[in-house]
Amino acid sequence: MFSGSTSHIHFVISEKNSEGNSLVVNASTYRDMRGEDTTCILQPGDHPFIKAVSYIPYRYAREMSWNDI
């Protein structure tokens, strides 16, 4: 997790670009609400941090420097 972040696990989903940055996404608890992205649903046990059904909200992906990851 990153400094100042909430208690969400984050995943790097791209290679570094020419500027040394990558795309990073987080996992959020899935609540079956309108607008939640169901492209990637994670189940408890998929990763030790995942305790409830979760999803990846790709619309909140951000580009981060490897120095900050």
N, C-alpha and C. Protein backbone atom coordinates (compact mmCIF):
# COMPACT_ATOMS: atom_id res chain seq x y z
N MET A 1 0.85 -1.17 0.00
CA MET A 1 0.00 0.00 0.00
C MET A 1 0.89 1.24 0.00
N PHE A 2 0.33 2.34 -0.40
CA PHE A 2 1.08 3.56 -0.55
C PHE A 2 0.84 4.47 0.65
N SER A 3 1.81 5.29 0.94
CA SER A 3 1.63 6.23 2.05
C SER A 3 0.45 7.14 1.75
N GLY A 4 -0.35 7.38 2.76
CA GLY A 4 -1.50 8.24 2.60
C GLY A 4 -2.70 7.55 1.99
N SER A 5 -2.58 6.27 1.64
CA SER A 5 -3.70 5.57 1.01
C SER A 5 -4.64 5.02 2.07
N THR A 6 -5.81 4.64 1.62
CA THR A 6 -6.75 3.98 2.50
C THR A 6 -6.36 2.52 2.58
N SER A 7 -7.16 1.71 3.22
CA SER A 7 -6.81 0.30 3.41
C SER A 7 -7.23 -0.54 2.21
N HIS A 8 -6.86 -0.14 1.03
CA HIS A 8 -7.11 -0.90 -0.19
C HIS A 8 -5.80 -1.47 -0.71
N ILE A 9 -5.86 -2.69 -1.21
CA ILE A 9 -4.68 -3.24 -1.86
C ILE A 9 -4.58 -2.64 -3.25
N HIS A 10 -3.37 -2.44 -3.71
CA HIS A 10 -3.13 -1.86 -5.03
C HIS A 10 -2.33 -2.83 -5.89
N PHE A 11 -2.58 -2.80 -7.19
CA PHE A 11 -1.90 -3.66 -8.15
C PHE A 11 -1.31 -2.82 -9.27
N VAL A 12 -0.08 -3.12 -9.64
CA VAL A 12 0.54 -2.51 -10.82
C VAL A 12 0.08 -3.33 -12.01
N ILE A 13 -0.52 -2.67 -13.02
CA ILE A 13 -1.10 -3.42 -14.14
C ILE A 13 -0.45 -3.11 -15.49
N SER A 14 0.68 -2.44 -15.46
CA SER A 14 1.37 -2.15 -16.73
C SER A 14 2.87 -2.15 -16.52
N GLU A 15 3.57 -2.27 -17.62
CA GLU A 15 5.02 -2.09 -17.61
C GLU A 15 5.32 -0.61 -17.41
N LYS A 16 6.55 -0.31 -17.05
CA LYS A 16 6.97 1.09 -16.96
C LYS A 16 6.97 1.70 -18.35
N ASN A 17 6.51 2.94 -18.45
CA ASN A 17 6.59 3.65 -19.73
C ASN A 17 7.94 4.36 -19.81
N SER A 18 8.14 5.14 -20.86
CA SER A 18 9.43 5.80 -21.08
C SER A 18 9.76 6.81 -19.98
N GLU A 19 8.76 7.23 -19.22
CA GLU A 19 8.98 8.17 -18.12
C GLU A 19 9.16 7.47 -16.78
N GLY A 20 9.12 6.13 -16.79
CA GLY A 20 9.28 5.36 -15.55
C GLY A 20 8.01 5.24 -14.74
N ASN A 21 6.85 5.42 -15.38
CA ASN A 21 5.56 5.34 -14.68
C ASN A 21 4.80 4.09 -15.11
N SER A 22 3.93 3.62 -14.23
CA SER A 22 3.06 2.49 -14.52
C SER A 22 1.65 2.81 -14.06
N LEU A 23 0.68 2.05 -14.59
CA LEU A 23 -0.70 2.18 -14.14
C LEU A 23 -0.91 1.33 -12.89
N VAL A 24 -1.62 1.91 -11.92
CA VAL A 24 -1.90 1.24 -10.66
C VAL A 24 -3.40 1.30 -10.41
N VAL A 25 -3.96 0.17 -9.96
CA VAL A 25 -5.38 0.11 -9.60
C VAL A 25 -5.50 -0.42 -8.19
N ASN A 26 -6.65 -0.20 -7.58
CA ASN A 26 -6.91 -0.75 -6.25
C ASN A 26 -8.07 -1.73 -6.33
N ALA A 27 -8.24 -2.51 -5.29
CA ALA A 27 -9.41 -3.38 -5.16
C ALA A 27 -10.33 -2.77 -4.11
N SER A 28 -11.62 -2.80 -4.40
CA SER A 28 -12.63 -2.28 -3.48
C SER A 28 -13.68 -3.35 -3.23
N THR A 29 -14.32 -3.28 -2.08
CA THR A 29 -15.37 -4.24 -1.75
C THR A 29 -16.51 -4.12 -2.75
N TYR A 30 -16.93 -5.26 -3.30
CA TYR A 30 -18.04 -5.29 -4.26
C TYR A 30 -19.35 -5.25 -3.48
N ARG A 31 -20.23 -4.32 -3.83
CA ARG A 31 -21.50 -4.16 -3.14
C ARG A 31 -22.71 -4.32 -4.07
N ASP A 32 -22.45 -4.77 -5.30
CA ASP A 32 -23.50 -4.98 -6.29
C ASP A 32 -24.32 -3.70 -6.52
N MET A 33 -23.60 -2.60 -6.63
CA MET A 33 -24.24 -1.30 -6.86
C MET A 33 -24.09 -0.92 -8.32
N ARG A 34 -24.99 -0.13 -8.79
CA ARG A 34 -24.92 0.36 -10.16
C ARG A 34 -23.62 1.12 -10.37
N GLY A 35 -22.97 0.86 -11.48
CA GLY A 35 -21.75 1.57 -11.82
C GLY A 35 -20.48 0.85 -11.42
N GLU A 36 -20.60 -0.22 -10.63
CA GLU A 36 -19.39 -0.96 -10.28
C GLU A 36 -18.93 -1.76 -11.50
N ASP A 37 -17.65 -1.74 -11.74
CA ASP A 37 -17.05 -2.43 -12.88
C ASP A 37 -16.90 -3.91 -12.54
N THR A 38 -17.56 -4.77 -13.29
CA THR A 38 -17.50 -6.21 -13.01
C THR A 38 -16.50 -6.94 -13.91
N THR A 39 -15.60 -6.19 -14.55
CA THR A 39 -14.60 -6.80 -15.41
C THR A 39 -13.71 -7.77 -14.64
N CYS A 40 -13.34 -7.40 -13.43
CA CYS A 40 -12.45 -8.23 -12.61
C CYS A 40 -13.03 -8.33 -11.20
N ILE A 41 -13.62 -9.46 -10.89
CA ILE A 41 -14.16 -9.72 -9.55
C ILE A 41 -13.18 -10.64 -8.83
N LEU A 42 -12.83 -10.27 -7.61
CA LEU A 42 -11.91 -11.05 -6.79
C LEU A 42 -12.69 -11.71 -5.65
N GLN A 43 -12.34 -12.93 -5.37
CA GLN A 43 -12.99 -13.68 -4.30
C GLN A 43 -12.06 -13.76 -3.09
N PRO A 44 -12.66 -13.89 -1.88
CA PRO A 44 -11.80 -14.10 -0.72
C PRO A 44 -10.86 -15.28 -0.97
N GLY A 45 -9.60 -15.08 -0.65
CA GLY A 45 -8.61 -16.13 -0.88
C GLY A 45 -7.84 -15.96 -2.18
N ASP A 46 -8.34 -15.13 -3.12
CA ASP A 46 -7.57 -14.88 -4.34
C ASP A 46 -6.22 -14.24 -4.01
N HIS A 47 -6.19 -13.48 -2.94
CA HIS A 47 -4.98 -12.87 -2.40
C HIS A 47 -5.19 -12.81 -0.89
N PRO A 48 -4.16 -12.99 -0.09
CA PRO A 48 -4.35 -12.98 1.36
C PRO A 48 -5.03 -11.72 1.90
N PHE A 49 -4.89 -10.59 1.22
CA PHE A 49 -5.51 -9.33 1.67
C PHE A 49 -7.01 -9.29 1.39
N ILE A 50 -7.48 -10.06 0.41
CA ILE A 50 -8.89 -10.01 -0.02
C ILE A 50 -9.72 -10.84 0.96
N LYS A 51 -10.56 -10.17 1.75
CA LYS A 51 -11.39 -10.84 2.76
C LYS A 51 -12.87 -10.88 2.37
N ALA A 52 -13.27 -10.07 1.39
CA ALA A 52 -14.66 -10.03 0.92
C ALA A 52 -14.64 -9.97 -0.60
N VAL A 53 -15.76 -10.30 -1.23
CA VAL A 53 -15.84 -10.19 -2.68
C VAL A 53 -15.48 -8.74 -3.05
N SER A 54 -14.57 -8.59 -3.99
CA SER A 54 -14.05 -7.27 -4.35
C SER A 54 -14.01 -7.11 -5.87
N TYR A 55 -13.80 -5.90 -6.31
CA TYR A 55 -13.69 -5.62 -7.75
C TYR A 55 -12.60 -4.58 -7.96
N ILE A 56 -12.17 -4.46 -9.21
CA ILE A 56 -11.17 -3.45 -9.57
C ILE A 56 -11.88 -2.29 -10.25
N PRO A 57 -11.93 -1.12 -9.62
CA PRO A 57 -12.55 0.05 -10.25
C PRO A 57 -11.56 0.74 -11.20
N TYR A 58 -11.49 0.20 -12.42
CA TYR A 58 -10.50 0.68 -13.38
C TYR A 58 -10.61 2.17 -13.67
N ARG A 59 -11.78 2.75 -13.51
CA ARG A 59 -11.91 4.19 -13.81
C ARG A 59 -11.07 5.05 -12.86
N TYR A 60 -10.63 4.47 -11.75
CA TYR A 60 -9.80 5.20 -10.81
C TYR A 60 -8.32 4.84 -10.94
N ALA A 61 -7.96 4.13 -12.01
CA ALA A 61 -6.54 3.80 -12.24
C ALA A 61 -5.74 5.09 -12.29
N ARG A 62 -4.52 5.01 -11.79
CA ARG A 62 -3.68 6.21 -11.84
C ARG A 62 -2.28 5.82 -12.27
N GLU A 63 -1.64 6.77 -12.89
CA GLU A 63 -0.26 6.60 -13.32
C GLU A 63 0.63 7.01 -12.17
N MET A 64 1.56 6.13 -11.81
CA MET A 64 2.45 6.43 -10.70
C MET A 64 3.89 6.15 -11.09
N SER A 65 4.77 6.94 -10.52
CA SER A 65 6.20 6.74 -10.71
C SER A 65 6.64 5.52 -9.90
N TRP A 66 7.58 4.76 -10.45
CA TRP A 66 8.11 3.62 -9.70
C TRP A 66 8.79 4.06 -8.41
N ASN A 67 9.19 5.31 -8.33
CA ASN A 67 9.78 5.82 -7.09
C ASN A 67 8.73 5.91 -5.98
N ASP A 68 7.45 6.02 -6.35
CA ASP A 68 6.36 6.14 -5.37
C ASP A 68 5.66 4.82 -5.09
N ILE A 69 6.01 3.80 -5.84
CA ILE A 69 5.33 2.50 -5.68
C ILE A 69 6.06 1.69 -4.62
